[in-house]
Amino acid sequence: MRLKCMCLMILLSGCVLQPVDLVVPIITPTIATTHWEDASMVMQGICFESALDAAEQVFVLRDEAALIAFYDAADNSQLCRQPVTRNPFDFNGGRLLVGLWSHGQGCTARHEVLGIERDDTNRTISIDLRFITEGDCNYELVRGFWAAFAGVADYQITVSNQ
């Protein structure tokens, strides 16, 4: 019996001592993620009712004054029960915010980025989105897409939302 246990321990210890190759996935950014960063946290303080009221409008906020005016408009609409939480955004270096809210019905909602084209010659950015709702739930859904771009303060921004 001792010999069987000893053999089993040797076999098990041999398994533990084997080197393990770790496979690290390589994530290659696509065009959709190379020129922008997710800025949805900036709009986290906007209530559902205010976002629903602004659904399908594209907003391009180029400086701090525009962001303050945006928050003021949400507060002045009196759609939110409390003043909106105003989250800061750093506009230095020609950074700007662009975004919208989409409205639909279902269980879940999301935006799929189909493409982002930045043309430095013509100073334009074109964003192509697809708004997707899934499920047969009878929920009214509002989902925001907010992105930050750097070095494009004077670019013309267009957003297509399918």
C-alpha atoms as a PDB file:
ATOM      1  CA  MET A   1       0.000   0.000   0.000  1.00  0.00           C
ATOM      2  CA  ARG A   2       2.827   2.374   0.903  1.00  0.00           C
ATOM      3  CA  LEU A   3       4.508   1.626  -2.388  1.00  0.00           C
ATOM      4  CA  LYS A   4       1.305   2.463  -4.336  1.00  0.00           C
ATOM      5  CA  CYS A   5       0.924   5.760  -2.461  1.00  0.00           C
ATOM      6  CA  MET A   6       4.564   6.603  -3.007  1.00  0.00           C
ATOM      7  CA  CYS A   7       4.275   5.853  -6.749  1.00  0.00           C
ATOM      8  CA  LEU A   8       1.118   7.939  -6.980  1.00  0.00           C
ATOM      9  CA  MET A   9       2.830  10.864  -5.239  1.00  0.00           C
ATOM     10  CA  ILE A  10       5.781  10.645  -7.620  1.00  0.00           C
ATOM     11  CA  LEU A  11       3.450  10.616 -10.632  1.00  0.00           C
ATOM     12  CA  LEU A  12       1.454  13.557  -9.319  1.00  0.00           C
ATOM     13  CA  SER A  13       4.547  15.559  -8.488  1.00  0.00           C
ATOM     14  CA  GLY A  14       5.790  14.922 -12.008  1.00  0.00           C
ATOM     15  CA  CYS A  15       2.609  16.480 -13.348  1.00  0.00           C
ATOM     16  CA  VAL A  16       3.061  19.544 -11.225  1.00  0.00           C
ATOM     17  CA  LEU A  17       6.683  20.004 -12.262  1.00  0.00           C
ATOM     18  CA  GLN A  18       5.878  20.077 -15.975  1.00  0.00           C
ATOM     19  CA  PRO A  19       6.373  23.550 -17.468  1.00  0.00           C
ATOM     20  CA  VAL A  20       3.186  25.214 -18.609  1.00  0.00           C
ATOM     21  CA  ASP A  21       3.118  27.342 -21.753  1.00  0.00           C
ATOM     22  CA  LEU A  22       0.978  30.412 -21.268  1.00  0.00           C
ATOM     23  CA  VAL A  23      -0.866  31.637 -24.316  1.00  0.00           C
ATOM     24  CA  VAL A  24      -1.343  35.378 -24.279  1.00  0.00           C
ATOM     25  CA  PRO A  25      -3.923  36.603 -26.768  1.00  0.00           C
ATOM     26  CA  ILE A  26      -2.805  39.361 -29.082  1.00  0.00           C
ATOM     27  CA  ILE A  27      -5.407  42.083 -29.431  1.00  0.00           C
ATOM     28  CA  THR A  28      -5.026  44.089 -32.601  1.00  0.00           C
ATOM     29  CA  PRO A  29      -6.897  47.388 -32.558  1.00  0.00           C
ATOM     30  CA  THR A  30      -9.201  48.018 -35.472  1.00  0.00           C
ATOM     31  CA  ILE A  31      -9.846  51.347 -37.149  1.00  0.00           C
ATOM     32  CA  ALA A  32     -12.841  51.747 -34.856  1.00  0.00           C
ATOM     33  CA  THR A  33     -10.656  51.912 -31.755  1.00  0.00           C
ATOM     34  CA  THR A  34      -7.471  53.575 -32.979  1.00  0.00           C
ATOM     35  CA  HIS A  35      -8.625  57.189 -33.226  1.00  0.00           C
ATOM     36  CA  TRP A  36     -11.011  57.579 -30.318  1.00  0.00           C
ATOM     37  CA  GLU A  37     -11.657  56.613 -26.750  1.00  0.00           C
ATOM     38  CA  ASP A  38     -14.879  55.781 -24.952  1.00  0.00           C
ATOM     39  CA  ALA A  39     -16.116  58.876 -23.114  1.00  0.00           C
ATOM     40  CA  SER A  40     -19.454  57.549 -21.852  1.00  0.00           C
ATOM     41  CA  MET A  41     -18.428  58.214 -18.240  1.00  0.00           C
ATOM     42  CA  VAL A  42     -18.672  61.962 -18.927  1.00  0.00           C
ATOM     43  CA  MET A  43     -22.412  61.582 -19.567  1.00  0.00           C
ATOM     44  CA  GLN A  44     -23.088  59.158 -16.733  1.00  0.00           C
ATOM     45  CA  GLY A  45     -24.916  61.843 -14.731  1.00  0.00           C
ATOM     46  CA  ILE A  46     -27.600  62.510 -17.362  1.00  0.00           C
ATOM     47  CA  CYS A  47     -30.927  60.979 -16.319  1.00  0.00           C
ATOM     48  CA  PHE A  48     -32.940  58.635 -18.536  1.00  0.00           C
ATOM     49  CA  GLU A  49     -35.670  61.210 -19.227  1.00  0.00           C
ATOM     50  CA  SER A  50     -33.207  63.840 -20.410  1.00  0.00           C
ATOM     51  CA  ALA A  51     -31.326  61.328 -22.581  1.00  0.00           C
ATOM     52  CA  LEU A  52     -34.621  60.123 -24.064  1.00  0.00           C
ATOM     53  CA  ASP A  53     -35.606  63.720 -24.846  1.00  0.00           C
ATOM     54  CA  ALA A  54     -32.288  64.244 -26.667  1.00  0.00           C
ATOM     55  CA  ALA A  55     -32.331  60.876 -28.473  1.00  0.00           C
ATOM     56  CA  GLU A  56     -31.063  60.837 -32.059  1.00  0.00           C
ATOM     57  CA  GLN A  57     -29.495  64.322 -31.810  1.00  0.00           C
ATOM     58  CA  VAL A  58     -25.749  64.407 -32.454  1.00  0.00           C
ATOM     59  CA  PHE A  59     -23.720  66.549 -30.066  1.00  0.00           C
ATOM     60  CA  VAL A  60     -20.214  67.847 -30.740  1.00  0.00           C
ATOM     61  CA  LEU A  61     -18.784  69.559 -27.677  1.00  0.00           C
ATOM     62  CA  ARG A  62     -15.557  71.400 -28.491  1.00  0.00           C
ATOM     63  CA  ASP A  63     -14.756  73.199 -25.232  1.00  0.00           C
ATOM     64  CA  GLU A  64     -15.607  73.529 -21.550  1.00  0.00           C
ATOM     65  CA  ALA A  65     -18.202  76.234 -22.237  1.00  0.00           C
ATOM     66  CA  ALA A  66     -20.081  73.892 -24.591  1.00  0.00           C
ATOM     67  CA  LEU A  67     -20.055  71.114 -21.973  1.00  0.00           C
ATOM     68  CA  ILE A  68     -21.370  73.508 -19.296  1.00  0.00           C
ATOM     69  CA  ALA A  69     -24.111  74.720 -21.674  1.00  0.00           C
ATOM     70  CA  PHE A  70     -24.995  71.087 -22.400  1.00  0.00           C
ATOM     71  CA  TYR A  71     -25.365  70.299 -18.683  1.00  0.00           C
ATOM     72  CA  ASP A  72     -27.297  73.556 -18.134  1.00  0.00           C
ATOM     73  CA  ALA A  73     -29.756  72.587 -20.890  1.00  0.00           C
ATOM     74  CA  ALA A  74     -30.323  69.196 -19.252  1.00  0.00           C
ATOM     75  CA  ASP A  75     -30.946  70.857 -15.884  1.00  0.00           C
ATOM     76  CA  ASN A  76     -33.195  73.556 -17.360  1.00  0.00           C
ATOM     77  CA  SER A  77     -35.353  70.964 -19.109  1.00  0.00           C
ATOM     78  CA  GLN A  78     -36.494  69.879 -15.624  1.00  0.00           C
ATOM     79  CA  LEU A  79     -36.825  66.324 -16.899  1.00  0.00           C
ATOM     80  CA  CYS A  80     -34.482  65.010 -14.190  1.00  0.00           C
ATOM     81  CA  ARG A  81     -35.644  64.850 -10.575  1.00  0.00           C
ATOM     82  CA  GLN A  82     -32.282  66.164  -9.387  1.00  0.00           C
ATOM     83  CA  PRO A  83     -29.603  68.329 -10.980  1.00  0.00           C
ATOM     84  CA  VAL A  84     -27.453  66.285 -13.352  1.00  0.00           C
ATOM     85  CA  THR A  85     -24.054  65.189 -12.155  1.00  0.00           C
ATOM     86  CA  ARG A  86     -21.464  67.204 -14.055  1.00  0.00           C
ATOM     87  CA  ASN A  87     -18.438  65.120 -14.917  1.00  0.00           C
ATOM     88  CA  PRO A  88     -15.303  66.890 -16.140  1.00  0.00           C
ATOM     89  CA  PHE A  89     -13.648  66.399 -19.510  1.00  0.00           C
ATOM     90  CA  ASP A  90     -10.189  67.586 -20.523  1.00  0.00           C
ATOM     91  CA  PHE A  91     -10.459  69.574 -23.766  1.00  0.00           C
ATOM     92  CA  ASN A  92      -6.699  70.333 -23.876  1.00  0.00           C
ATOM     93  CA  GLY A  93      -4.780  69.403 -27.005  1.00  0.00           C
ATOM     94  CA  GLY A  94      -7.724  69.924 -29.335  1.00  0.00           C
ATOM     95  CA  ARG A  95      -9.775  67.201 -27.683  1.00  0.00           C
ATOM     96  CA  LEU A  96     -13.532  67.138 -28.226  1.00  0.00           C
ATOM     97  CA  LEU A  97     -16.560  65.061 -27.275  1.00  0.00           C
ATOM     98  CA  VAL A  98     -19.007  63.706 -29.802  1.00  0.00           C
ATOM     99  CA  GLY A  99     -22.022  61.593 -29.066  1.00  0.00           C
ATOM    100  CA  LEU A 100     -25.683  60.798 -29.131  1.00  0.00           C
ATOM    101  CA  TRP A 101     -28.327  58.717 -27.445  1.00  0.00           C
ATOM    102  CA  SER A 102     -30.318  56.134 -29.380  1.00  0.00           C
ATOM    103  CA  HIS A 103     -33.788  54.969 -28.437  1.00  0.00           C
ATOM    104  CA  GLY A 104     -35.428  51.592 -28.976  1.00  0.00           C
ATOM    105  CA  GLN A 105     -37.377  48.766 -27.418  1.00  0.00           C
ATOM    106  CA  GLY A 106     -36.131  45.350 -26.294  1.00  0.00           C
ATOM    107  CA  CYS A 107     -34.198  43.608 -23.538  1.00  0.00           C
ATOM    108  CA  THR A 108     -30.754  45.048 -24.288  1.00  0.00           C
ATOM    109  CA  ALA A 109     -29.324  47.760 -26.505  1.00  0.00           C
ATOM    110  CA  ARG A 110     -25.879  48.577 -27.811  1.00  0.00           C
ATOM    111  CA  HIS A 111     -24.033  50.474 -30.506  1.00  0.00           C
ATOM    112  CA  GLU A 112     -21.798  48.704 -32.968  1.00  0.00           C
ATOM    113  CA  VAL A 113     -19.080  50.857 -34.496  1.00  0.00           C
ATOM    114  CA  LEU A 114     -19.106  50.070 -38.204  1.00  0.00           C
ATOM    115  CA  GLY A 115     -16.297  52.448 -39.021  1.00  0.00           C
ATOM    116  CA  ILE A 116     -14.574  55.680 -38.213  1.00  0.00           C
ATOM    117  CA  GLU A 117     -12.836  57.616 -40.951  1.00  0.00           C
ATOM    118  CA  ARG A 118     -10.508  60.458 -40.086  1.00  0.00           C
ATOM    119  CA  ASP A 119      -9.425  62.590 -43.024  1.00  0.00           C
ATOM    120  CA  ASP A 120      -6.672  64.951 -41.932  1.00  0.00           C
ATOM    121  CA  THR A 121      -6.479  66.593 -45.376  1.00  0.00           C
ATOM    122  CA  ASN A 122     -10.133  67.670 -45.388  1.00  0.00           C
ATOM    123  CA  ARG A 123     -10.272  67.900 -41.585  1.00  0.00           C
ATOM    124  CA  THR A 124     -13.283  65.611 -41.225  1.00  0.00           C
ATOM    125  CA  ILE A 125     -14.287  62.621 -39.128  1.00  0.00           C
ATOM    126  CA  SER A 126     -17.137  60.330 -40.169  1.00  0.00           C
ATOM    127  CA  ILE A 127     -18.529  57.898 -37.619  1.00  0.00           C
ATOM    128  CA  ASP A 128     -20.789  55.052 -38.756  1.00  0.00           C
ATOM    129  CA  LEU A 129     -22.801  53.317 -36.025  1.00  0.00           C
ATOM    130  CA  ARG A 130     -25.466  50.672 -35.885  1.00  0.00           C
ATOM    131  CA  PHE A 131     -27.904  50.748 -32.975  1.00  0.00           C
ATOM    132  CA  ILE A 132     -28.918  47.225 -32.031  1.00  0.00           C
ATOM    133  CA  THR A 133     -31.713  46.158 -29.691  1.00  0.00           C
ATOM    134  CA  GLU A 134     -32.110  42.523 -28.763  1.00  0.00           C
ATOM    135  CA  GLY A 135     -34.860  40.485 -27.176  1.00  0.00           C
ATOM    136  CA  ASP A 136     -38.632  40.671 -27.051  1.00  0.00           C
ATOM    137  CA  CYS A 137     -38.869  42.619 -23.791  1.00  0.00           C
ATOM    138  CA  ASN A 138     -41.233  45.548 -23.674  1.00  0.00           C
ATOM    139  CA  TYR A 139     -38.559  47.842 -22.180  1.00  0.00           C
ATOM    140  CA  GLU A 140     -37.991  51.358 -23.424  1.00  0.00           C
ATOM    141  CA  LEU A 141     -34.229  51.620 -23.870  1.00  0.00           C
ATOM    142  CA  VAL A 142     -31.875  54.557 -24.317  1.00  0.00           C
ATOM    143  CA  ARG A 143     -28.199  53.895 -24.989  1.00  0.00           C
ATOM    144  CA  GLY A 144     -25.528  56.530 -25.403  1.00  0.00           C
ATOM    145  CA  PHE A 145     -22.471  56.523 -27.623  1.00  0.00           C
ATOM    146  CA  TRP A 146     -19.928  59.110 -26.517  1.00  0.00           C
ATOM    147  CA  ALA A 147     -16.402  59.313 -27.879  1.00  0.00           C
ATOM    148  CA  ALA A 148     -13.404  61.545 -27.287  1.00  0.00           C
ATOM    149  CA  PHE A 149     -11.072  62.539 -30.111  1.00  0.00           C
ATOM    150  CA  ALA A 150      -7.739  64.336 -29.765  1.00  0.00           C
ATOM    151  CA  GLY A 151      -6.206  66.966 -32.030  1.00  0.00           C
ATOM    152  CA  VAL A 152      -9.407  67.578 -33.985  1.00  0.00           C
ATOM    153  CA  ALA A 153     -10.977  70.653 -32.370  1.00  0.00           C
ATOM    154  CA  ASP A 154     -11.660  72.291 -35.745  1.00  0.00           C
ATOM    155  CA  TYR A 155     -12.688  69.141 -37.671  1.00  0.00           C
ATOM    156  CA  GLN A 156     -16.174  68.668 -39.074  1.00  0.00           C
ATOM    157  CA  ILE A 157     -17.727  65.626 -37.387  1.00  0.00           C
ATOM    158  CA  THR A 158     -20.575  63.565 -38.854  1.00  0.00           C
ATOM    159  CA  VAL A 159     -22.324  60.610 -37.270  1.00  0.00           C
ATOM    160  CA  SER A 160     -24.465  58.106 -39.128  1.00  0.00           C
ATOM    161  CA  ASN A 161     -26.616  55.925 -36.865  1.00  0.00           C
ATOM    162  CA  GLN A 162     -28.453  53.045 -38.554  1.00  0.00           C
END
